[in-house]
N, C-alpha and C. Protein backbone atom coordinates (compact mmCIF):
# COMPACT_ATOMS: atom_id res chain seq x y z
N MET A 1 -38.99 -41.91 -47.85
CA MET A 1 -38.57 -41.26 -49.07
C MET A 1 -37.06 -41.36 -49.24
N PHE A 2 -36.32 -41.12 -48.15
CA PHE A 2 -34.88 -41.17 -48.27
C PHE A 2 -34.39 -42.57 -48.63
N SER A 3 -35.03 -43.59 -48.07
CA SER A 3 -34.59 -44.96 -48.38
C SER A 3 -34.79 -45.28 -49.85
N THR A 4 -35.82 -44.72 -50.46
CA THR A 4 -36.05 -44.92 -51.89
C THR A 4 -34.93 -44.27 -52.70
N ILE A 5 -34.54 -43.06 -52.30
CA ILE A 5 -33.46 -42.37 -52.99
C ILE A 5 -32.14 -43.12 -52.79
N ALA A 6 -31.89 -43.59 -51.57
CA ALA A 6 -30.66 -44.33 -51.30
C ALA A 6 -30.61 -45.62 -52.10
N ASP A 7 -31.75 -46.30 -52.23
CA ASP A 7 -31.78 -47.53 -53.04
C ASP A 7 -31.47 -47.22 -54.49
N THR A 8 -31.92 -46.07 -54.97
CA THR A 8 -31.65 -45.70 -56.35
C THR A 8 -30.16 -45.44 -56.55
N TRP A 9 -29.52 -44.80 -55.58
CA TRP A 9 -28.10 -44.48 -55.70
C TRP A 9 -27.22 -45.70 -55.52
N HIS A 10 -27.51 -46.49 -54.51
CA HIS A 10 -26.61 -47.57 -54.14
C HIS A 10 -27.17 -48.96 -54.42
N GLY A 11 -28.37 -49.04 -54.93
CA GLY A 11 -28.98 -50.35 -55.14
C GLY A 11 -29.53 -50.86 -53.82
N SER A 12 -30.31 -51.89 -53.89
CA SER A 12 -30.91 -52.43 -52.67
C SER A 12 -29.87 -53.22 -51.89
N LYS A 13 -30.05 -53.29 -50.60
CA LYS A 13 -29.13 -54.03 -49.75
C LYS A 13 -29.75 -55.39 -49.45
N TRP A 14 -28.89 -56.37 -49.29
CA TRP A 14 -29.33 -57.74 -49.08
C TRP A 14 -29.18 -58.12 -47.62
N ASP A 15 -30.15 -58.83 -47.09
CA ASP A 15 -30.06 -59.38 -45.75
C ASP A 15 -29.38 -60.74 -45.87
N VAL A 16 -28.08 -60.74 -45.77
CA VAL A 16 -27.28 -61.93 -46.05
C VAL A 16 -27.56 -63.03 -45.04
N ARG A 17 -27.73 -62.69 -43.78
CA ARG A 17 -27.95 -63.71 -42.76
C ARG A 17 -29.23 -64.50 -43.02
N SER A 18 -30.28 -63.82 -43.45
CA SER A 18 -31.52 -64.56 -43.73
C SER A 18 -31.37 -65.43 -44.97
N LEU A 19 -30.57 -64.97 -45.95
CA LEU A 19 -30.34 -65.80 -47.13
C LEU A 19 -29.54 -67.04 -46.79
N ILE A 20 -28.56 -66.89 -45.91
CA ILE A 20 -27.76 -68.04 -45.51
C ILE A 20 -28.61 -69.02 -44.71
N LYS A 21 -29.44 -68.51 -43.79
CA LYS A 21 -30.31 -69.39 -43.01
C LYS A 21 -31.36 -70.04 -43.89
N ALA A 22 -31.79 -69.36 -44.94
CA ALA A 22 -32.83 -69.90 -45.82
C ALA A 22 -32.35 -71.13 -46.57
N GLN A 23 -31.06 -71.33 -46.64
CA GLN A 23 -30.54 -72.48 -47.35
C GLN A 23 -30.69 -73.76 -46.52
N ASP A 24 -31.14 -73.63 -45.25
CA ASP A 24 -31.42 -74.76 -44.37
C ASP A 24 -30.28 -75.77 -44.31
N GLY A 25 -29.10 -75.26 -44.07
CA GLY A 25 -27.98 -76.15 -43.89
C GLY A 25 -27.36 -76.66 -45.17
N LYS A 26 -27.89 -76.26 -46.31
CA LYS A 26 -27.29 -76.69 -47.57
C LYS A 26 -25.95 -75.99 -47.73
N SER A 27 -24.94 -76.74 -48.05
CA SER A 27 -23.64 -76.11 -48.27
C SER A 27 -23.63 -75.48 -49.66
N ILE A 28 -22.91 -74.41 -49.76
CA ILE A 28 -22.80 -73.72 -51.04
C ILE A 28 -21.89 -74.54 -51.93
N SER A 29 -22.37 -74.92 -53.06
CA SER A 29 -21.65 -75.83 -53.93
C SER A 29 -20.43 -75.15 -54.53
N SER A 30 -19.31 -75.81 -54.39
CA SER A 30 -18.11 -75.32 -55.04
C SER A 30 -17.82 -76.15 -56.28
N ALA A 31 -18.83 -76.92 -56.72
CA ALA A 31 -18.66 -77.77 -57.88
C ALA A 31 -18.79 -77.00 -59.19
N THR A 32 -19.09 -75.71 -59.10
CA THR A 32 -19.18 -74.90 -60.29
C THR A 32 -17.80 -74.82 -60.93
N PRO A 33 -17.71 -75.08 -62.22
CA PRO A 33 -16.39 -75.07 -62.86
C PRO A 33 -15.74 -73.70 -62.79
N VAL A 34 -14.47 -73.68 -62.48
CA VAL A 34 -13.71 -72.44 -62.40
C VAL A 34 -12.97 -72.24 -63.71
N ARG A 35 -13.12 -71.07 -64.28
CA ARG A 35 -12.44 -70.77 -65.54
C ARG A 35 -10.97 -70.45 -65.26
N ASP A 36 -10.10 -70.90 -66.14
CA ASP A 36 -8.66 -70.71 -65.95
C ASP A 36 -8.25 -69.26 -66.06
N ASP A 37 -8.97 -68.46 -66.85
CA ASP A 37 -8.57 -67.08 -67.08
C ASP A 37 -8.96 -66.14 -65.95
N ASP A 38 -9.83 -66.57 -65.03
CA ASP A 38 -10.29 -65.70 -63.95
C ASP A 38 -10.15 -66.43 -62.61
N PRO A 39 -9.18 -66.04 -61.78
CA PRO A 39 -9.00 -66.73 -60.50
C PRO A 39 -10.14 -66.49 -59.51
N TYR A 40 -10.98 -65.47 -59.75
CA TYR A 40 -12.06 -65.15 -58.83
C TYR A 40 -13.41 -65.69 -59.31
N ALA A 41 -13.42 -66.47 -60.38
CA ALA A 41 -14.67 -66.99 -60.94
C ALA A 41 -15.41 -67.87 -59.92
N GLY A 42 -14.67 -68.70 -59.20
CA GLY A 42 -15.30 -69.56 -58.20
C GLY A 42 -15.92 -68.75 -57.07
N ASP A 43 -15.21 -67.71 -56.61
CA ASP A 43 -15.74 -66.85 -55.55
C ASP A 43 -16.98 -66.10 -56.02
N ILE A 44 -16.96 -65.63 -57.25
CA ILE A 44 -18.11 -64.91 -57.80
C ILE A 44 -19.30 -65.85 -57.93
N ASP A 45 -19.05 -67.09 -58.36
CA ASP A 45 -20.12 -68.08 -58.46
C ASP A 45 -20.73 -68.38 -57.09
N LYS A 46 -19.89 -68.46 -56.05
CA LYS A 46 -20.40 -68.70 -54.70
C LYS A 46 -21.27 -67.54 -54.23
N LEU A 47 -20.85 -66.31 -54.53
CA LEU A 47 -21.67 -65.14 -54.19
C LEU A 47 -23.00 -65.17 -54.91
N GLN A 48 -22.96 -65.51 -56.20
CA GLN A 48 -24.20 -65.58 -56.98
C GLN A 48 -25.13 -66.64 -56.41
N ASN A 49 -24.61 -67.79 -56.04
CA ASN A 49 -25.45 -68.86 -55.49
C ASN A 49 -26.04 -68.47 -54.14
N ALA A 50 -25.23 -67.83 -53.29
CA ALA A 50 -25.68 -67.51 -51.94
C ALA A 50 -26.64 -66.31 -51.90
N LEU A 51 -26.34 -65.28 -52.68
CA LEU A 51 -27.11 -64.04 -52.58
C LEU A 51 -28.17 -63.87 -53.65
N PHE A 52 -27.97 -64.45 -54.82
CA PHE A 52 -28.86 -64.20 -55.95
C PHE A 52 -29.48 -65.48 -56.49
N ASN A 53 -29.44 -66.57 -55.71
CA ASN A 53 -30.01 -67.86 -56.13
C ASN A 53 -29.47 -68.32 -57.47
N GLY A 54 -28.21 -68.08 -57.73
CA GLY A 54 -27.57 -68.54 -58.95
C GLY A 54 -27.68 -67.61 -60.14
N HIS A 55 -28.46 -66.53 -60.01
CA HIS A 55 -28.58 -65.58 -61.11
C HIS A 55 -27.32 -64.71 -61.18
N PRO A 56 -26.95 -64.27 -62.37
CA PRO A 56 -25.74 -63.44 -62.50
C PRO A 56 -25.88 -62.12 -61.76
N ILE A 57 -24.76 -61.62 -61.27
CA ILE A 57 -24.74 -60.33 -60.59
C ILE A 57 -24.82 -59.25 -61.66
N GLU A 58 -25.77 -58.34 -61.51
CA GLU A 58 -25.97 -57.29 -62.51
C GLU A 58 -25.02 -56.13 -62.28
N ASN A 59 -24.70 -55.45 -63.36
CA ASN A 59 -23.87 -54.25 -63.32
C ASN A 59 -24.57 -53.19 -62.47
N GLY A 60 -23.85 -52.55 -61.58
CA GLY A 60 -24.41 -51.51 -60.74
C GLY A 60 -24.92 -52.00 -59.40
N THR A 61 -24.79 -53.29 -59.12
CA THR A 61 -25.26 -53.86 -57.86
C THR A 61 -24.31 -53.47 -56.73
N CYS A 62 -24.88 -53.14 -55.58
CA CYS A 62 -24.10 -52.85 -54.38
C CYS A 62 -24.37 -53.96 -53.37
N ILE A 63 -23.32 -54.60 -52.91
CA ILE A 63 -23.45 -55.66 -51.92
C ILE A 63 -22.79 -55.17 -50.64
N ASP A 64 -23.58 -55.04 -49.57
CA ASP A 64 -23.10 -54.60 -48.28
C ASP A 64 -23.16 -55.82 -47.37
N ILE A 65 -22.00 -56.28 -46.89
CA ILE A 65 -21.94 -57.55 -46.17
C ILE A 65 -20.94 -57.43 -45.04
N THR A 66 -21.16 -58.19 -43.98
CA THR A 66 -20.20 -58.20 -42.88
C THR A 66 -19.12 -59.24 -43.16
N LEU A 67 -18.00 -59.08 -42.49
CA LEU A 67 -16.89 -60.01 -42.67
C LEU A 67 -17.30 -61.42 -42.25
N GLN A 68 -18.07 -61.54 -41.17
CA GLN A 68 -18.50 -62.85 -40.70
C GLN A 68 -19.36 -63.56 -41.74
N ASP A 69 -20.23 -62.81 -42.41
CA ASP A 69 -21.12 -63.41 -43.41
C ASP A 69 -20.36 -63.83 -44.67
N ILE A 70 -19.44 -63.01 -45.13
CA ILE A 70 -18.71 -63.38 -46.35
C ILE A 70 -17.73 -64.53 -46.06
N LEU A 71 -17.27 -64.65 -44.82
CA LEU A 71 -16.43 -65.79 -44.46
C LEU A 71 -17.23 -67.09 -44.51
N GLN A 72 -18.53 -67.04 -44.25
CA GLN A 72 -19.38 -68.23 -44.36
C GLN A 72 -19.59 -68.61 -45.81
N ILE A 73 -19.70 -67.61 -46.68
CA ILE A 73 -19.95 -67.86 -48.10
C ILE A 73 -18.65 -68.26 -48.80
N ILE A 74 -17.60 -67.47 -48.59
CA ILE A 74 -16.30 -67.70 -49.24
C ILE A 74 -15.25 -67.76 -48.14
N PRO A 75 -14.99 -68.93 -47.58
CA PRO A 75 -14.01 -69.04 -46.49
C PRO A 75 -12.59 -68.74 -46.97
N LYS A 76 -11.84 -68.08 -46.13
CA LYS A 76 -10.43 -67.77 -46.40
C LYS A 76 -9.60 -68.19 -45.19
N LYS A 77 -8.34 -68.50 -45.43
CA LYS A 77 -7.43 -68.83 -44.32
C LYS A 77 -7.18 -67.59 -43.46
N ARG A 78 -6.97 -66.46 -44.13
CA ARG A 78 -6.75 -65.20 -43.42
C ARG A 78 -8.11 -64.55 -43.22
N LYS A 79 -8.58 -64.50 -41.99
CA LYS A 79 -9.92 -64.00 -41.69
C LYS A 79 -9.89 -62.49 -41.47
N ARG A 80 -9.49 -61.78 -42.52
CA ARG A 80 -9.41 -60.31 -42.50
C ARG A 80 -10.03 -59.77 -43.78
N VAL A 81 -10.42 -58.51 -43.73
CA VAL A 81 -11.03 -57.86 -44.88
C VAL A 81 -10.07 -57.83 -46.06
N ASP A 82 -8.79 -57.65 -45.78
CA ASP A 82 -7.84 -57.53 -46.89
C ASP A 82 -7.65 -58.85 -47.65
N ALA A 83 -8.15 -59.96 -47.12
CA ALA A 83 -8.10 -61.23 -47.86
C ALA A 83 -9.01 -61.20 -49.07
N TYR A 84 -9.97 -60.29 -49.08
CA TYR A 84 -10.92 -60.17 -50.18
C TYR A 84 -10.59 -59.01 -51.12
N ARG A 85 -9.42 -58.44 -51.00
CA ARG A 85 -9.02 -57.29 -51.81
C ARG A 85 -9.11 -57.59 -53.31
N GLY A 86 -8.62 -58.72 -53.73
CA GLY A 86 -8.67 -59.08 -55.15
C GLY A 86 -10.09 -59.26 -55.66
N LEU A 87 -10.95 -59.89 -54.83
CA LEU A 87 -12.34 -60.07 -55.21
C LEU A 87 -13.06 -58.73 -55.33
N VAL A 88 -12.77 -57.81 -54.40
CA VAL A 88 -13.38 -56.48 -54.46
C VAL A 88 -12.97 -55.77 -55.75
N GLY A 89 -11.69 -55.88 -56.09
CA GLY A 89 -11.20 -55.25 -57.32
C GLY A 89 -11.81 -55.87 -58.56
N ARG A 90 -11.94 -57.20 -58.57
CA ARG A 90 -12.52 -57.89 -59.73
C ARG A 90 -13.98 -57.52 -59.91
N LEU A 91 -14.74 -57.47 -58.81
CA LEU A 91 -16.15 -57.08 -58.88
C LEU A 91 -16.28 -55.62 -59.28
N ASN A 92 -15.35 -54.78 -58.84
CA ASN A 92 -15.37 -53.37 -59.21
C ASN A 92 -15.22 -53.21 -60.72
N LYS A 93 -14.38 -54.04 -61.35
CA LYS A 93 -14.23 -54.00 -62.81
C LYS A 93 -15.51 -54.42 -63.52
N MET A 94 -16.31 -55.26 -62.84
CA MET A 94 -17.60 -55.70 -63.40
C MET A 94 -18.70 -54.68 -63.17
N GLY A 95 -18.41 -53.62 -62.40
CA GLY A 95 -19.42 -52.61 -62.09
C GLY A 95 -20.22 -52.93 -60.84
N VAL A 96 -19.71 -53.83 -60.01
CA VAL A 96 -20.38 -54.24 -58.78
C VAL A 96 -19.57 -53.72 -57.60
N THR A 97 -20.24 -53.11 -56.63
CA THR A 97 -19.57 -52.59 -55.44
C THR A 97 -19.77 -53.56 -54.30
N LEU A 98 -18.68 -54.09 -53.78
CA LEU A 98 -18.71 -54.99 -52.63
C LEU A 98 -18.17 -54.24 -51.43
N THR A 99 -19.01 -54.07 -50.41
CA THR A 99 -18.62 -53.39 -49.19
C THR A 99 -18.57 -54.42 -48.08
N ILE A 100 -17.41 -54.58 -47.46
CA ILE A 100 -17.23 -55.54 -46.38
C ILE A 100 -17.01 -54.77 -45.09
N ASN A 101 -17.89 -54.96 -44.13
CA ASN A 101 -17.78 -54.29 -42.84
C ASN A 101 -17.30 -55.28 -41.80
N SER A 102 -16.30 -54.88 -41.02
CA SER A 102 -15.82 -55.74 -39.93
C SER A 102 -15.96 -54.98 -38.62
N GLN A 103 -15.77 -55.71 -37.54
CA GLN A 103 -15.87 -55.08 -36.23
C GLN A 103 -14.66 -54.21 -35.94
N LYS A 104 -13.53 -54.52 -36.55
CA LYS A 104 -12.31 -53.76 -36.28
C LYS A 104 -12.18 -52.52 -37.13
N SER A 105 -12.76 -52.55 -38.31
CA SER A 105 -12.67 -51.39 -39.19
C SER A 105 -14.07 -50.96 -39.56
N LYS A 106 -14.23 -49.70 -39.80
CA LYS A 106 -15.55 -49.17 -40.08
C LYS A 106 -16.07 -49.57 -41.44
N ARG A 107 -15.24 -49.40 -42.50
CA ARG A 107 -15.75 -49.67 -43.84
C ARG A 107 -14.60 -49.96 -44.80
N HIS A 108 -14.79 -50.99 -45.61
CA HIS A 108 -13.85 -51.33 -46.68
C HIS A 108 -14.69 -51.63 -47.91
N ASP A 109 -14.41 -50.96 -48.99
CA ASP A 109 -15.13 -51.23 -50.24
C ASP A 109 -14.20 -50.92 -51.40
N SER A 110 -14.74 -50.49 -52.48
CA SER A 110 -13.91 -50.22 -53.64
C SER A 110 -12.92 -49.08 -53.36
N GLU A 111 -13.18 -48.23 -52.38
CA GLU A 111 -12.23 -47.19 -52.00
C GLU A 111 -10.98 -47.81 -51.40
N PHE A 112 -11.11 -49.04 -50.85
CA PHE A 112 -9.99 -49.75 -50.27
C PHE A 112 -8.91 -49.98 -51.32
N GLU A 113 -9.32 -50.22 -52.56
CA GLU A 113 -8.39 -50.45 -53.65
C GLU A 113 -7.58 -49.20 -53.99
N LYS A 114 -8.14 -48.03 -53.74
CA LYS A 114 -7.52 -46.76 -54.17
C LYS A 114 -6.46 -46.28 -53.18
N ARG A 115 -6.39 -46.90 -51.99
CA ARG A 115 -5.41 -46.45 -50.99
C ARG A 115 -4.03 -46.89 -51.35
């Protein structure tokens, strides 16, 4: 019962590792055109391809992901949670909550932007 209530409040959680393995070694295409007005459009497209099979991310979606998993989807030179600060803020404006958990820190999400 509680899991049903939690899903209603926070949306369903995705098993990112199984989605990544399900791609059977297919690399996530970065050939999606990036719009000039949004620097995070390419990152958002990669998330949509990896987690939602290319479907748009809906308003109110909560994505709970580990740092290791998001680094596989959207690689960054700086392998820290704060490297995704801009993406978290951009998704927050879209009504999507991105929570990135790392081994060094307990939790970083849209509250990270408010600090």
